[in-house]
Protein backbone atom coordinates (compact mmCIF):
# COMPACT_ATOMS: atom_id res chain seq x y z
CA MET A 1 -14.77 125.49 -149.36
CA ALA A 2 -12.16 123.13 -147.93
CA THR A 3 -8.61 123.15 -149.20
CA LEU A 4 -6.48 120.11 -149.70
CA VAL A 5 -2.97 120.38 -148.34
CA LEU A 6 -0.41 117.91 -149.59
CA THR A 7 2.74 117.54 -147.58
CA ASN A 8 5.83 115.83 -148.78
CA HIS A 9 7.58 114.08 -145.93
CA PRO A 10 11.29 113.81 -146.60
CA THR A 11 12.38 110.22 -146.86
CA ILE A 12 15.50 109.28 -145.04
CA SER A 13 17.69 107.13 -147.23
CA LEU A 14 19.85 104.26 -146.08
CA TRP A 15 22.95 106.31 -146.93
CA THR A 16 21.76 109.18 -144.72
CA LYS A 17 21.16 106.74 -141.86
CA TYR A 18 24.67 105.33 -142.32
CA ILE A 19 26.26 108.81 -142.33
CA THR A 20 24.36 109.75 -139.18
CA PHE A 21 25.41 106.51 -137.47
CA ALA A 22 29.06 106.80 -138.52
CA ASP A 23 29.29 110.43 -137.43
CA GLY A 24 27.87 109.46 -134.05
CA GLN A 25 30.60 106.83 -133.59
CA LYS A 26 33.56 109.22 -133.57
CA GLU A 27 34.09 108.83 -129.85
CA ASN A 28 34.10 105.02 -130.24
CA ARG A 29 36.84 105.06 -132.85
CA LEU A 30 39.25 102.96 -130.79
CA ALA A 31 36.58 100.36 -130.12
CA TRP A 32 35.86 100.04 -133.86
CA PHE A 33 39.58 99.59 -134.49
CA LEU A 34 39.93 96.90 -131.83
CA VAL A 35 36.80 95.02 -132.93
CA SER A 36 37.95 95.11 -136.53
CA LEU A 37 41.47 93.97 -135.67
CA ILE A 38 40.42 91.18 -133.32
CA LEU A 39 37.62 89.90 -135.53
CA HIS A 40 39.81 89.80 -138.61
CA ALA A 41 42.87 88.31 -136.93
CA THR A 42 41.09 85.65 -134.89
CA VAL A 43 37.96 84.74 -136.84
CA LEU A 44 37.56 85.97 -140.39
CA VAL A 45 40.98 85.34 -141.97
CA PRO A 46 41.64 81.97 -140.26
CA LEU A 47 38.08 80.71 -140.81
CA THR A 48 38.16 81.75 -144.44
CA PHE A 49 41.51 80.07 -145.04
CA ILE A 50 40.60 76.86 -143.21
CA LEU A 51 37.24 76.45 -144.96
CA VAL A 52 38.55 77.35 -148.40
CA TYR A 53 41.51 74.99 -148.02
CA SER A 54 39.54 72.07 -146.54
CA LEU A 55 36.69 72.33 -149.07
CA GLY A 56 39.04 72.50 -152.03
CA GLY A 57 38.24 76.06 -153.03
CA TYR A 58 40.43 78.62 -154.74
CA VAL A 59 43.01 78.98 -151.98
CA ILE A 60 45.40 81.59 -153.39
CA PRO A 61 42.82 84.12 -154.73
CA CYS A 62 40.61 83.80 -151.67
CA LEU A 63 43.47 84.09 -149.21
CA ALA A 64 44.95 87.03 -151.12
CA THR A 65 41.61 88.83 -151.11
CA SER A 66 41.13 88.11 -147.42
CA MET A 67 44.59 89.40 -146.53
CA VAL A 68 44.25 92.54 -148.66
CA ILE A 69 41.00 93.40 -146.93
CA PHE A 70 42.55 92.67 -143.53
CA PHE A 71 45.52 94.97 -144.17
CA ALA A 72 43.28 97.64 -145.71
CA ASN A 73 41.34 97.75 -142.44
CA ILE A 74 44.52 97.95 -140.38
CA VAL A 75 46.00 100.72 -142.55
CA ALA A 76 42.76 102.71 -142.57
CA ASN A 77 42.40 102.52 -138.80
CA MET A 78 46.04 103.22 -137.98
CA SER A 79 46.38 106.07 -140.46
CA GLY A 80 43.57 108.03 -138.88
CA ALA A 81 40.95 107.73 -141.61
CA ASN A 82 37.60 109.16 -140.64
CA THR A 83 35.02 106.98 -138.96
CA ARG A 84 32.84 106.82 -142.07
CA SER A 85 35.65 105.18 -144.00
CA THR A 86 36.69 102.73 -141.32
CA ILE A 87 33.15 101.53 -140.63
CA PHE A 88 32.50 101.22 -144.38
CA LEU A 89 35.69 99.19 -144.87
CA PHE A 90 34.80 96.95 -141.94
CA GLY A 91 31.33 96.31 -143.37
CA LEU A 92 32.78 95.71 -146.82
CA SER A 93 35.25 93.21 -145.40
CA LEU A 94 32.45 91.33 -143.64
CA LEU A 95 30.52 91.20 -146.91
CA VAL A 96 33.51 89.99 -148.94
CA HIS A 97 34.39 87.30 -146.40
CA CYS A 98 30.79 86.09 -146.43
CA LEU A 99 30.85 86.00 -150.24
CA ILE A 100 34.10 84.01 -150.24
CA LEU A 101 32.61 81.50 -147.82
CA ILE A 102 29.34 81.22 -149.77
CA ILE A 103 31.19 80.69 -153.05
CA THR A 104 33.41 78.05 -151.45
CA VAL A 105 30.59 76.16 -149.75
CA ALA A 106 28.47 76.30 -152.93
CA GLY A 107 31.39 74.89 -154.89
CA ILE A 108 31.39 77.56 -157.56
């Protein structure tokens, strides 16, 4: 008589993949800091401000949010926060800047 063997393959969640990626980036910590600093200072904050201002969006709340996120990234990177935190903050800042731009362009 044959037996049926059921195996349960562990599923790897998105969070587990992120943790594995972030832990593997410890040696590239300076590069993440520089990319975050340069991208925020030269692209994200100025682009957000220019588009929000020129399209008649909510200038003060959007600029304040953009600057808070910018300084949060700088403080996290300069204070020696772990790589998981800095990469998460960088991703969060990209998401928030995209949301600000989408809301402004949509005219909400």
